[in-house]
Amino acid sequence: MIIGVGVDVVDVARFGVALERTPALRDRLFTVGEKSLPLASLAARFAAKEALAKALGAPAGLHWTDATVERPRGQQPRLVVTGTVAARAAELGVATLHVSMSHDAGIASAVVIAEA
């Protein structure tokens, strides 16, 4: 059963400007493993985290670094959740998270499905 679906799009250039203007934003939004990725990949991961929050009902108090997008070589991306995000997912009865990301023509996008 689907618990929630979230979709988000990010303008890559605008996101890059925000990261340059506010360097601490990178630490607030991304885990250690994500921070060094290219800008388009960061924008796609931010879109995935936004989509995840929406799929979970967008409650206040979720920490961005309690969700990370991992993409093992040759495999599909996956969301790994801890802390506040894992607690909200458990509260809703989420057993599986599906994520799809893309970036092209200056836009990054992501879809997340939360499944019981």
PDB file of N, CA and C in Angstrom:
ATOM      1  N   MET A   1       0.840  -1.173   0.000  1.00  0.00           N
ATOM      2  CA  MET A   1       0.000   0.000   0.000  1.00  0.00           C
ATOM      3  C   MET A   1       0.893   1.247   0.000  1.00  0.00           C
ATOM      4  N   ILE A   2       0.531   2.219  -0.809  1.00  0.00           N
ATOM      5  CA  ILE A   2       1.299   3.459  -0.866  1.00  0.00           C
ATOM      6  C   ILE A   2       0.857   4.383   0.270  1.00  0.00           C
ATOM      7  N   ILE A   3       1.828   4.826   1.047  1.00  0.00           N
ATOM      8  CA  ILE A   3       1.591   5.747   2.162  1.00  0.00           C
ATOM      9  C   ILE A   3       1.642   7.187   1.664  1.00  0.00           C
ATOM     10  N   GLY A   4       2.578   7.472   0.765  1.00  0.00           N
ATOM     11  CA  GLY A   4       2.717   8.834   0.254  1.00  0.00           C
ATOM     12  C   GLY A   4       3.608   8.890  -0.965  1.00  0.00           C
ATOM     13  N   VAL A   5       3.411   9.955  -1.743  1.00  0.00           N
ATOM     14  CA  VAL A   5       4.217  10.208  -2.935  1.00  0.00           C
ATOM     15  C   VAL A   5       4.683  11.656  -2.867  1.00  0.00           C
ATOM     16  N   GLY A   6       5.939  11.887  -3.182  1.00  0.00           N
ATOM     17  CA  GLY A   6       6.472  13.244  -3.221  1.00  0.00           C
ATOM     18  C   GLY A   6       7.230  13.478  -4.509  1.00  0.00           C
ATOM     19  N   VAL A   7       7.123  14.689  -5.035  1.00  0.00           N
ATOM     20  CA  VAL A   7       7.809  15.086  -6.263  1.00  0.00           C
ATOM     21  C   VAL A   7       8.430  16.449  -6.023  1.00  0.00           C
ATOM     22  N   ASP A   8       9.625  16.677  -6.561  1.00  0.00           N
ATOM     23  CA  ASP A   8      10.241  17.992  -6.442  1.00  0.00           C
ATOM     24  C   ASP A   8      11.150  18.248  -7.636  1.00  0.00           C
ATOM     25  N   VAL A   9      11.275  19.517  -8.012  1.00  0.00           N
ATOM     26  CA  VAL A   9      12.192  19.938  -9.067  1.00  0.00           C
ATOM     27  C   VAL A   9      13.039  21.091  -8.542  1.00  0.00           C
ATOM     28  N   VAL A  10      14.279  21.157  -9.001  1.00  0.00           N
ATOM     29  CA  VAL A  10      15.227  22.174  -8.547  1.00  0.00           C
ATOM     30  C   VAL A  10      15.929  22.760  -9.765  1.00  0.00           C
ATOM     31  N   ASP A  11      15.996  24.069  -9.829  1.00  0.00           N
ATOM     32  CA  ASP A  11      16.791  24.747 -10.849  1.00  0.00           C
ATOM     33  C   ASP A  11      18.251  24.657 -10.402  1.00  0.00           C
ATOM     34  N   VAL A  12      19.071  23.946 -11.151  1.00  0.00           N
ATOM     35  CA  VAL A  12      20.440  23.651 -10.738  1.00  0.00           C
ATOM     36  C   VAL A  12      21.258  24.934 -10.550  1.00  0.00           C
ATOM     37  N   ALA A  13      21.191  25.864 -11.483  1.00  0.00           N
ATOM     38  CA  ALA A  13      21.975  27.105 -11.372  1.00  0.00           C
ATOM     39  C   ALA A  13      21.546  27.915 -10.150  1.00  0.00           C
ATOM     40  N   ARG A  14      20.265  28.020  -9.949  1.00  0.00           N
ATOM     41  CA  ARG A  14      19.755  28.776  -8.786  1.00  0.00           C
ATOM     42  C   ARG A  14      20.191  28.113  -7.476  1.00  0.00           C
ATOM     43  N   PHE A  15      20.172  26.788  -7.465  1.00  0.00           N
ATOM     44  CA  PHE A  15      20.609  26.050  -6.281  1.00  0.00           C
ATOM     45  C   PHE A  15      22.100  26.304  -6.029  1.00  0.00           C
ATOM     46  N   GLY A  16      22.890  26.338  -7.095  1.00  0.00           N
ATOM     47  CA  GLY A  16      24.322  26.625  -6.972  1.00  0.00           C
ATOM     48  C   GLY A  16      24.574  28.002  -6.396  1.00  0.00           C
ATOM     49  N   VAL A  17      23.805  28.987  -6.819  1.00  0.00           N
ATOM     50  CA  VAL A  17      23.922  30.344  -6.285  1.00  0.00           C
ATOM     51  C   VAL A  17      23.615  30.341  -4.788  1.00  0.00           C
ATOM     52  N   ALA A  18      22.584  29.608  -4.392  1.00  0.00           N
ATOM     53  CA  ALA A  18      22.222  29.534  -2.972  1.00  0.00           C
ATOM     54  C   ALA A  18      23.355  28.912  -2.154  1.00  0.00           C
ATOM     55  N   LEU A  19      23.980  27.864  -2.678  1.00  0.00           N
ATOM     56  CA  LEU A  19      25.097  27.229  -1.970  1.00  0.00           C
ATOM     57  C   LEU A  19      26.301  28.158  -1.861  1.00  0.00           C
ATOM     58  N   GLU A  20      26.553  28.947  -2.904  1.00  0.00           N
ATOM     59  CA  GLU A  20      27.670  29.901  -2.870  1.00  0.00           C
ATOM     60  C   GLU A  20      27.385  31.052  -1.902  1.00  0.00           C
ATOM     61  N   ARG A  21      26.159  31.525  -1.913  1.00  0.00           N
ATOM     62  CA  ARG A  21      25.768  32.657  -1.068  1.00  0.00           C
ATOM     63  C   ARG A  21      25.763  32.274   0.418  1.00  0.00           C
ATOM     64  N   THR A  22      25.397  31.016   0.700  1.00  0.00           N
ATOM     65  CA  THR A  22      25.288  30.545   2.078  1.00  0.00           C
ATOM     66  C   THR A  22      26.059  29.238   2.217  1.00  0.00           C
ATOM     67  N   PRO A  23      27.382  29.299   2.405  1.00  0.00           N
ATOM     68  CA  PRO A  23      28.199  28.077   2.454  1.00  0.00           C
ATOM     69  C   PRO A  23      27.754  27.065   3.521  1.00  0.00           C
ATOM     70  N   ALA A  24      27.197  27.532   4.631  1.00  0.00           N
ATOM     71  CA  ALA A  24      26.755  26.624   5.688  1.00  0.00           C
ATOM     72  C   ALA A  24      25.574  25.762   5.247  1.00  0.00           C
ATOM     73  N   LEU A  25      24.920  26.168   4.181  1.00  0.00           N
ATOM     74  CA  LEU A  25      23.784  25.410   3.672  1.00  0.00           C
ATOM     75  C   LEU A  25      24.194  23.997   3.259  1.00  0.00           C
ATOM     76  N   ARG A  26      25.364  23.859   2.685  1.00  0.00           N
ATOM     77  CA  ARG A  26      25.866  22.536   2.272  1.00  0.00           C
ATOM     78  C   ARG A  26      25.933  21.592   3.476  1.00  0.00           C
ATOM     79  N   ASP A  27      26.399  22.101   4.628  1.00  0.00           N
ATOM     80  CA  ASP A  27      26.481  21.265   5.826  1.00  0.00           C
ATOM     81  C   ASP A  27      25.102  20.955   6.395  1.00  0.00           C
ATOM     82  N   ARG A  28      24.170  21.880   6.251  1.00  0.00           N
ATOM     83  CA  ARG A  28      22.826  21.686   6.786  1.00  0.00           C
ATOM     84  C   ARG A  28      22.009  20.703   5.938  1.00  0.00           C
ATOM     85  N   LEU A  29      22.290  20.638   4.651  1.00  0.00           N
ATOM     86  CA  LEU A  29      21.475  19.832   3.745  1.00  0.00           C
ATOM     87  C   LEU A  29      22.033  18.447   3.439  1.00  0.00           C
ATOM     88  N   PHE A  30      23.365  18.303   3.486  1.00  0.00           N
ATOM     89  CA  PHE A  30      23.965  17.089   2.964  1.00  0.00           C
ATOM     90  C   PHE A  30      24.835  16.368   3.980  1.00  0.00           C
ATOM     91  N   THR A  31      24.871  15.048   3.843  1.00  0.00           N
ATOM     92  CA  THR A  31      25.722  14.220   4.693  1.00  0.00           C
ATOM     93  C   THR A  31      27.159  14.281   4.165  1.00  0.00           C
ATOM     94  N   VAL A  32      28.073  13.793   4.945  1.00  0.00           N
ATOM     95  CA  VAL A  32      29.492  13.815   4.569  1.00  0.00           C
ATOM     96  C   VAL A  32      29.700  13.157   3.207  1.00  0.00           C
ATOM     97  N   GLY A  33      29.052  12.045   2.963  1.00  0.00           N
ATOM     98  CA  GLY A  33      29.216  11.333   1.708  1.00  0.00           C
ATOM     99  C   GLY A  33      28.642  12.052   0.500  1.00  0.00           C
ATOM    100  N   GLU A  34      27.735  12.989   0.726  1.00  0.00           N
ATOM    101  CA  GLU A  34      27.095  13.713  -0.373  1.00  0.00           C
ATOM    102  C   GLU A  34      27.783  15.033  -0.714  1.00  0.00           C
ATOM    103  N   LYS A  35      28.378  15.676   0.245  1.00  0.00           N
ATOM    104  CA  LYS A  35      28.867  17.063   0.095  1.00  0.00           C
ATOM    105  C   LYS A  35      29.810  17.306  -1.066  1.00  0.00           C
ATOM    106  N   SER A  36      30.606  16.328  -1.427  1.00  0.00           N
ATOM    107  CA  SER A  36      31.627  16.546  -2.459  1.00  0.00           C
ATOM    108  C   SER A  36      31.141  16.238  -3.880  1.00  0.00           C
ATOM    109  N   LEU A  37      29.886  15.888  -4.039  1.00  0.00           N
ATOM    110  CA  LEU A  37      29.349  15.551  -5.362  1.00  0.00           C
ATOM    111  C   LEU A  37      29.230  16.795  -6.237  1.00  0.00           C
ATOM    112  N   PRO A  38      29.182  16.625  -7.556  1.00  0.00           N
ATOM    113  CA  PRO A  38      28.995  17.769  -8.462  1.00  0.00           C
ATOM    114  C   PRO A  38      27.646  18.451  -8.203  1.00  0.00           C
ATOM    115  N   LEU A  39      27.566  19.699  -8.612  1.00  0.00           N
ATOM    116  CA  LEU A  39      26.382  20.517  -8.344  1.00  0.00           C
ATOM    117  C   LEU A  39      25.088  19.861  -8.823  1.00  0.00           C
ATOM    118  N   ALA A  40      25.043  19.341 -10.038  1.00  0.00           N
ATOM    119  CA  ALA A  40      23.805  18.732 -10.547  1.00  0.00           C
ATOM    120  C   ALA A  40      23.380  17.548  -9.681  1.00  0.00           C
ATOM    121  N   SER A  41      24.346  16.776  -9.193  1.00  0.00           N
ATOM    122  CA  SER A  41      24.035  15.641  -8.319  1.00  0.00           C
ATOM    123  C   SER A  41      23.528  16.120  -6.965  1.00  0.00           C
ATOM    124  N   LEU A  42      24.104  17.201  -6.451  1.00  0.00           N
ATOM    125  CA  LEU A  42      23.615  17.779  -5.195  1.00  0.00           C
ATOM    126  C   LEU A  42      22.183  18.275  -5.358  1.00  0.00           C
ATOM    127  N   ALA A  43      21.905  18.937  -6.468  1.00  0.00           N
ATOM    128  CA  ALA A  43      20.552  19.442  -6.716  1.00  0.00           C
ATOM    129  C   ALA A  43      19.556  18.284  -6.801  1.00  0.00           C
ATOM    130  N   ALA A  44      19.945  17.200  -7.441  1.00  0.00           N
ATOM    131  CA  ALA A  44      19.063  16.032  -7.536  1.00  0.00           C
ATOM    132  C   ALA A  44      18.831  15.418  -6.161  1.00  0.00           C
ATOM    133  N   ARG A  45      19.861  15.378  -5.334  1.00  0.00           N
ATOM    134  CA  ARG A  45      19.702  14.836  -3.990  1.00  0.00           C
ATOM    135  C   ARG A  45      18.840  15.748  -3.122  1.00  0.00           C
ATOM    136  N   PHE A  46      18.985  17.048  -3.302  1.00  0.00           N
ATOM    137  CA  PHE A  46      18.115  17.965  -2.574  1.00  0.00           C
ATOM    138  C   PHE A  46      16.661  17.757  -3.015  1.00  0.00           C
ATOM    139  N   ALA A  47      16.440  17.603  -4.310  1.00  0.00           N
ATOM    140  CA  ALA A  47      15.084  17.327  -4.800  1.00  0.00           C
ATOM    141  C   ALA A  47      14.549  16.026  -4.200  1.00  0.00           C
ATOM    142  N   ALA A  48      15.402  15.012  -4.077  1.00  0.00           N
ATOM    143  CA  ALA A  48      14.984  13.744  -3.483  1.00  0.00           C
ATOM    144  C   ALA A  48      14.607  13.912  -2.012  1.00  0.00           C
ATOM    145  N   LYS A  49      15.372  14.718  -1.286  1.00  0.00           N
ATOM    146  CA  LYS A  49      15.061  14.948   0.126  1.00  0.00           C
ATOM    147  C   LYS A  49      13.765  15.737   0.280  1.00  0.00           C
ATOM    148  N   GLU A  50      13.541  16.712  -0.600  1.00  0.00           N
ATOM    149  CA  GLU A  50      12.277  17.462  -0.592  1.00  0.00           C
ATOM    150  C   GLU A  50      11.115  16.530  -0.921  1.00  0.00           C
ATOM    151  N   ALA A  51      11.294  15.686  -1.941  1.00  0.00           N
ATOM    152  CA  ALA A  51      10.248  14.736  -2.321  1.00  0.00           C
ATOM    153  C   ALA A  51       9.973  13.751  -1.189  1.00  0.00           C
ATOM    154  N   LEU A  52      11.013  13.328  -0.496  1.00  0.00           N
ATOM    155  CA  LEU A  52      10.859  12.437   0.651  1.00  0.00           C
ATOM    156  C   LEU A  52      10.030  13.104   1.742  1.00  0.00           C
ATOM    157  N   ALA A  53      10.357  14.355   2.061  1.00  0.00           N
ATOM    158  CA  ALA A  53       9.596  15.075   3.086  1.00  0.00           C
ATOM    159  C   ALA A  53       8.122  15.147   2.696  1.00  0.00           C
ATOM    160  N   LYS A  54       7.851  15.418   1.435  1.00  0.00           N
ATOM    161  CA  LYS A  54       6.463  15.484   0.959  1.00  0.00           C
ATOM    162  C   LYS A  54       5.774  14.128   1.070  1.00  0.00           C
ATOM    163  N   ALA A  55       6.479  13.061   0.719  1.00  0.00           N
ATOM    164  CA  ALA A  55       5.901  11.717   0.811  1.00  0.00           C
ATOM    165  C   ALA A  55       5.575  11.349   2.252  1.00  0.00           C
ATOM    166  N   LEU A  56       6.304  11.948   3.194  1.00  0.00           N
ATOM    167  CA  LEU A  56       6.075  11.689   4.618  1.00  0.00           C
ATOM    168  C   LEU A  56       5.132  12.709   5.249  1.00  0.00           C
ATOM    169  N   GLY A  57       4.491  13.536   4.433  1.00  0.00           N
ATOM    170  CA  GLY A  57       3.529  14.506   4.941  1.00  0.00           C
ATOM    171  C   GLY A  57       4.113  15.845   5.310  1.00  0.00           C
ATOM    172  N   ALA A  58       5.384  16.051   5.015  1.00  0.00           N
ATOM    173  CA  ALA A  58       6.090  17.322   5.260  1.00  0.00           C
ATOM    174  C   ALA A  58       5.912  17.850   6.689  1.00  0.00           C
ATOM    175  N   PRO A  59       6.147  17.002   7.690  1.00  0.00           N
ATOM    176  CA  PRO A  59       6.027  17.493   9.066  1.00  0.00           C
ATOM    177  C   PRO A  59       7.212  18.380   9.449  1.00  0.00           C
ATOM    178  N   ALA A  60       6.992  19.274  10.379  1.00  0.00           N
ATOM    179  CA  ALA A  60       8.086  20.100  10.903  1.00  0.00           C
ATOM    180  C   ALA A  60       9.042  19.208  11.691  1.00  0.00           C
ATOM    181  N   GLY A  61      10.297  19.607  11.740  1.00  0.00           N
ATOM    182  CA  GLY A  61      11.265  18.923  12.589  1.00  0.00           C
ATOM    183  C   GLY A  61      12.112  17.860  11.921  1.00  0.00           C
ATOM    184  N   LEU A  62      11.920  17.615  10.619  1.00  0.00           N
ATOM    185  CA  LEU A  62      12.798  16.652   9.944  1.00  0.00           C
ATOM    186  C   LEU A  62      14.154  17.306   9.699  1.00  0.00           C
ATOM    187  N   HIS A  63      15.208  16.554   9.917  1.00  0.00           N
ATOM    188  CA  HIS A  63      16.562  17.051   9.676  1.00  0.00           C
ATOM    189  C   HIS A  63      17.047  16.513   8.328  1.00  0.00           C
ATOM    190  N   TRP A  64      17.528  17.422   7.472  1.00  0.00           N
ATOM    191  CA  TRP A  64      17.970  17.043   6.132  1.00  0.00           C
ATOM    192  C   TRP A  64      19.058  15.970   6.154  1.00  0.00           C
ATOM    193  N   THR A  65      19.927  16.025   7.156  1.00  0.00           N
ATOM    194  CA  THR A  65      21.033  15.072   7.201  1.00  0.00           C
ATOM    195  C   THR A  65      20.613  13.726   7.788  1.00  0.00           C
ATOM    196  N   ASP A  66      19.330  13.584   8.138  1.00  0.00           N
ATOM    197  CA  ASP A  66      18.806  12.285   8.565  1.00  0.00           C
ATOM    198  C   ASP A  66      18.314  11.474   7.366  1.00  0.00           C
ATOM    199  N   ALA A  67      18.574  11.984   6.172  1.00  0.00           N
ATOM    200  CA  ALA A  67      18.274  11.240   4.941  1.00  0.00           C
ATOM    201  C   ALA A  67      19.464  11.414   4.009  1.00  0.00           C
ATOM    202  N   THR A  68      19.894  10.344   3.431  1.00  0.00           N
ATOM    203  CA  THR A  68      20.976  10.408   2.458  1.00  0.00           C
ATOM    204  C   THR A  68      20.609   9.558   1.252  1.00  0.00           C
ATOM    205  N   VAL A  69      21.060   9.994   0.106  1.00  0.00           N
ATOM    206  CA  VAL A  69      20.849   9.228  -1.116  1.00  0.00           C
ATOM    207  C   VAL A  69      22.163   8.524  -1.439  1.00  0.00           C
ATOM    208  N   GLU A  70      22.098   7.212  -1.480  1.00  0.00           N
ATOM    209  CA  GLU A  70      23.261   6.425  -1.860  1.00  0.00           C
ATOM    210  C   GLU A  70      23.025   5.870  -3.249  1.00  0.00           C
ATOM    211  N   ARG A  71      24.074   5.808  -4.029  1.00  0.00           N
ATOM    212  CA  ARG A  71      23.962   5.230  -5.371  1.00  0.00           C
ATOM    213  C   ARG A  71      25.185   4.365  -5.617  1.00  0.00           C
ATOM    214  N   PRO A  72      25.105   3.122  -5.136  1.00  0.00           N
ATOM    215  CA  PRO A  72      26.214   2.207  -5.382  1.00  0.00           C
ATOM    216  C   PRO A  72      26.433   2.025  -6.885  1.00  0.00           C
ATOM    217  N   ARG A  73      27.672   1.908  -7.275  1.00  0.00           N
ATOM    218  CA  ARG A  73      28.032   1.775  -8.696  1.00  0.00           C
ATOM    219  C   ARG A  73      27.202   0.657  -9.347  1.00  0.00           C
ATOM    220  N   GLY A  74      26.542   1.011 -10.443  1.00  0.00           N
ATOM    221  CA  GLY A  74      25.775   0.037 -11.205  1.00  0.00           C
ATOM    222  C   GLY A  74      24.419  -0.301 -10.617  1.00  0.00           C
ATOM    223  N   GLN A  75      24.027   0.387  -9.559  1.00  0.00           N
ATOM    224  CA  GLN A  75      22.742   0.104  -8.929  1.00  0.00           C
ATOM    225  C   GLN A  75      21.858   1.351  -8.921  1.00  0.00           C
ATOM    226  N   GLN A  76      20.587   1.146  -8.642  1.00  0.00           N
ATOM    227  CA  GLN A  76      19.650   2.254  -8.526  1.00  0.00           C
ATOM    228  C   GLN A  76      19.954   3.032  -7.252  1.00  0.00           C
ATOM    229  N   PRO A  77      19.601   4.329  -7.243  1.00  0.00           N
ATOM    230  CA  PRO A  77      19.780   5.094  -6.009  1.00  0.00           C
ATOM    231  C   PRO A  77      18.824   4.576  -4.933  1.00  0.00           C
ATOM    232  N   ARG A  78      19.223   4.763  -3.687  1.00  0.00           N
ATOM    233  CA  ARG A  78      18.349   4.372  -2.577  1.00  0.00           C
ATOM    234  C   ARG A  78      18.454   5.411  -1.477  1.00  0.00           C
ATOM    235  N   LEU A  79      17.366   5.554  -0.753  1.00  0.00           N
ATOM    236  CA  LEU A  79      17.327   6.463   0.392  1.00  0.00           C
ATOM    237  C   LEU A  79      17.664   5.689   1.653  1.00  0.00           C
ATOM    238  N   VAL A  80      18.541   6.248   2.451  1.00  0.00           N
ATOM    239  CA  VAL A  80      18.870   5.690   3.756  1.00  0.00           C
ATOM    240  C   VAL A  80      18.440   6.732   4.777  1.00  0.00           C
ATOM    241  N   VAL A  81      17.568   6.340   5.693  1.00  0.00           N
ATOM    242  CA  VAL A  81      17.030   7.303   6.657  1.00  0.00           C
ATOM    243  C   VAL A  81      17.396   6.911   8.081  1.00  0.00           C
ATOM    244  N   THR A  82      17.626   7.930   8.896  1.00  0.00           N
ATOM    245  CA  THR A  82      17.956   7.756  10.307  1.00  0.00           C
ATOM    246  C   THR A  82      17.200   8.823  11.095  1.00  0.00           C
ATOM    247  N   GLY A  83      17.367   8.820  12.393  1.00  0.00           N
ATOM    248  CA  GLY A  83      16.877   9.894  13.256  1.00  0.00           C
ATOM    249  C   GLY A  83      15.444  10.322  13.001  1.00  0.00           C
ATOM    250  N   THR A  84      15.251  11.629  12.792  1.00  0.00           N
ATOM    251  CA  THR A  84      13.917  12.213  12.663  1.00  0.00           C
ATOM    252  C   THR A  84      13.149  11.664  11.459  1.00  0.00           C
ATOM    253  N   VAL A  85      13.855  11.410  10.372  1.00  0.00           N
ATOM    254  CA  VAL A  85      13.194  10.909   9.166  1.00  0.00           C
ATOM    255  C   VAL A  85      12.773   9.451   9.367  1.00  0.00           C
ATOM    256  N   ALA A  86      13.643   8.641   9.956  1.00  0.00           N
ATOM    257  CA  ALA A  86      13.301   7.246  10.230  1.00  0.00           C
ATOM    258  C   ALA A  86      12.135   7.162  11.208  1.00  0.00           C
ATOM    259  N   ALA A  87      12.116   8.043  12.199  1.00  0.00           N
ATOM    260  CA  ALA A  87      11.023   8.047  13.177  1.00  0.00           C
ATOM    261  C   ALA A  87       9.691   8.366  12.504  1.00  0.00           C
ATOM    262  N   ARG A  88       9.676   9.353  11.624  1.00  0.00           N
ATOM    263  CA  ARG A  88       8.438   9.709  10.923  1.00  0.00           C
ATOM    264  C   ARG A  88       7.995   8.574  10.005  1.00  0.00           C
ATOM    265  N   ALA A  89       8.938   7.960   9.308  1.00  0.00           N
ATOM    266  CA  ALA A  89       8.598   6.837   8.438  1.00  0.00           C
ATOM    267  C   ALA A  89       7.995   5.693   9.253  1.00  0.00           C
ATOM    268  N   ALA A  90       8.568   5.391  10.396  1.00  0.00           N
ATOM    269  CA  ALA A  90       8.045   4.333  11.263  1.00  0.00           C
ATOM    270  C   ALA A  90       6.649   4.684  11.772  1.00  0.00           C
ATOM    271  N   GLU A  91       6.476   5.937  12.137  1.00  0.00           N
ATOM    272  CA  GLU A  91       5.168   6.406  12.626  1.00  0.00           C
ATOM    273  C   GLU A  91       4.069   6.180  11.580  1.00  0.00           C
ATOM    274  N   LEU A  92       4.420   6.351  10.303  1.00  0.00           N
ATOM    275  CA  LEU A  92       3.455   6.178   9.215  1.00  0.00           C
ATOM    276  C   LEU A  92       3.346   4.731   8.731  1.00  0.00           C
ATOM    277  N   GLY A  93       4.232   3.864   9.218  1.00  0.00           N
ATOM    278  CA  GLY A  93       4.223   2.469   8.793  1.00  0.00           C
ATOM    279  C   GLY A  93       4.935   2.222   7.473  1.00  0.00           C
ATOM    280  N   VAL A  94       5.878   3.102   7.132  1.00  0.00           N
ATOM    281  CA  VAL A  94       6.624   2.953   5.878  1.00  0.00           C
ATOM    282  C   VAL A  94       7.641   1.819   6.023  1.00  0.00           C
ATOM    283  N   ALA A  95       7.576   0.881   5.100  1.00  0.00           N
ATOM    284  CA  ALA A  95       8.526  -0.233   5.096  1.00  0.00           C
ATOM    285  C   ALA A  95       9.570  -0.073   4.001  1.00  0.00           C
ATOM    286  N   THR A  96       9.183   0.577   2.886  1.00  0.00           N
ATOM    287  CA  THR A  96      10.077   0.708   1.742  1.00  0.00           C
ATOM    288  C   THR A  96       9.968   2.104   1.158  1.00  0.00           C
ATOM    289  N   LEU A  97      11.113   2.671   0.795  1.00  0.00           N
ATOM    290  CA  LEU A  97      11.152   3.958   0.106  1.00  0.00           C
ATOM    291  C   LEU A  97      11.734   3.724  -1.282  1.00  0.00           C
ATOM    292  N   HIS A  98      11.055   4.245  -2.292  1.00  0.00           N
ATOM    293  CA  HIS A  98      11.531   4.166  -3.674  1.00  0.00           C
ATOM    294  C   HIS A  98      11.890   5.586  -4.104  1.00  0.00           C
ATOM    295  N   VAL A  99      13.014   5.750  -4.799  1.00  0.00           N
ATOM    296  CA  VAL A  99      13.426   7.072  -5.269  1.00  0.00           C
ATOM    297  C   VAL A  99      13.895   6.992  -6.711  1.00  0.00           C
ATOM    298  N   SER A 100      13.515   7.994  -7.475  1.00  0.00           N
ATOM    299  CA  SER A 100      14.012   8.153  -8.840  1.00  0.00           C
ATOM    300  C   SER A 100      14.451   9.605  -8.985  1.00  0.00           C
ATOM    301  N   MET A 101      15.651   9.813  -9.538  1.00  0.00           N
ATOM    302  CA  MET A 101      16.196  11.160  -9.698  1.00  0.00           C
ATOM    303  C   MET A 101      16.671  11.341 -11.124  1.00  0.00           C
ATOM    304  N   SER A 102      16.678  12.617 -11.550  1.00  0.00           N
ATOM    305  CA  SER A 102      17.192  12.938 -12.867  1.00  0.00           C
ATOM    306  C   SER A 102      17.698  14.371 -12.863  1.00  0.00           C
ATOM    307  N   HIS A 103      18.667  14.661 -13.745  1.00  0.00           N
ATOM    308  CA  HIS A 103      19.061  16.050 -13.963  1.00  0.00           C
ATOM    309  C   HIS A 103      19.452  16.209 -15.420  1.00  0.00           C
ATOM    310  N   ASP A 104      18.843  17.228 -16.046  1.00  0.00           N
ATOM    311  CA  ASP A 104      19.088  17.496 -17.448  1.00  0.00           C
ATOM    312  C   ASP A 104      18.597  18.911 -17.760  1.00  0.00           C
ATOM    313  N   ALA A 105      19.250  19.579 -18.687  1.00  0.00           N
ATOM    314  CA  ALA A 105      18.830  20.909 -19.157  1.00  0.00           C
ATOM    315  C   ALA A 105      18.676  21.907 -18.007  1.00  0.00           C
ATOM    316  N   GLY A 106      19.543  21.773 -16.999  1.00  0.00           N
ATOM    317  CA  GLY A 106      19.538  22.744 -15.902  1.00  0.00           C
ATOM    318  C   GLY A 106      18.503  22.497 -14.827  1.00  0.00           C
ATOM    319  N   ILE A 107      17.791  21.390 -14.905  1.00  0.00           N
ATOM    320  CA  ILE A 107      16.770  21.060 -13.906  1.00  0.00           C
ATOM    321  C   ILE A 107      17.076  19.696 -13.299  1.00  0.00           C
ATOM    322  N   ALA A 108      16.944  19.605 -11.985  1.00  0.00           N
ATOM    323  CA  ALA A 108      17.051  18.336 -11.278  1.00  0.00           C
ATOM    324  C   ALA A 108      15.658  17.988 -10.752  1.00  0.00           C
ATOM    325  N   SER A 109      15.323  16.719 -10.799  1.00  0.00           N
ATOM    326  CA  SER A 109      14.004  16.307 -10.314  1.00  0.00           C
ATOM    327  C   SER A 109      14.107  14.989  -9.567  1.00  0.00           C
ATOM    328  N   ALA A 110      13.093  14.751  -8.732  1.00  0.00           N
ATOM    329  CA  ALA A 110      13.055  13.498  -7.988  1.00  0.00           C
ATOM    330  C   ALA A 110      11.612  13.153  -7.647  1.00  0.00           C
ATOM    331  N   VAL A 111      11.362  11.847  -7.573  1.00  0.00           N
ATOM    332  CA  VAL A 111      10.088  11.304  -7.135  1.00  0.00           C
ATOM    333  C   VAL A 111      10.400  10.294  -6.042  1.00  0.00           C
ATOM    334  N   VAL A 112       9.629  10.350  -4.955  1.00  0.00           N
ATOM    335  CA  VAL A 112       9.771   9.382  -3.874  1.00  0.00           C
ATOM    336  C   VAL A 112       8.407   8.771  -3.606  1.00  0.00           C
ATOM    337  N   ILE A 113       8.395   7.446  -3.470  1.00  0.00           N
ATOM    338  CA  ILE A 113       7.193   6.728  -3.081  1.00  0.00           C
ATOM    339  C   ILE A 113       7.485   6.041  -1.756  1.00  0.00           C
ATOM    340  N   ALA A 114       6.624   6.287  -0.771  1.00  0.00           N
ATOM    341  CA  ALA A 114       6.717   5.639   0.538  1.00  0.00           C
ATOM    342  C   ALA A 114       5.665   4.523   0.565  1.00  0.00           C
ATOM    343  N   GLU A 115       6.128   3.302   0.798  1.00  0.00           N
ATOM    344  CA  GLU A 115       5.254   2.134   0.723  1.00  0.00           C
ATOM    345  C   GLU A 115       5.233   1.391   2.050  1.00  0.00           C
ATOM    346  N   ALA A 116       4.040   0.905   2.418  1.00  0.00           N
ATOM    347  CA  ALA A 116       3.901   0.123   3.655  1.00  0.00           C
ATOM    348  C   ALA A 116       4.410  -1.281   3.431  1.00  0.00           C
TER     349      ALA A 116
END
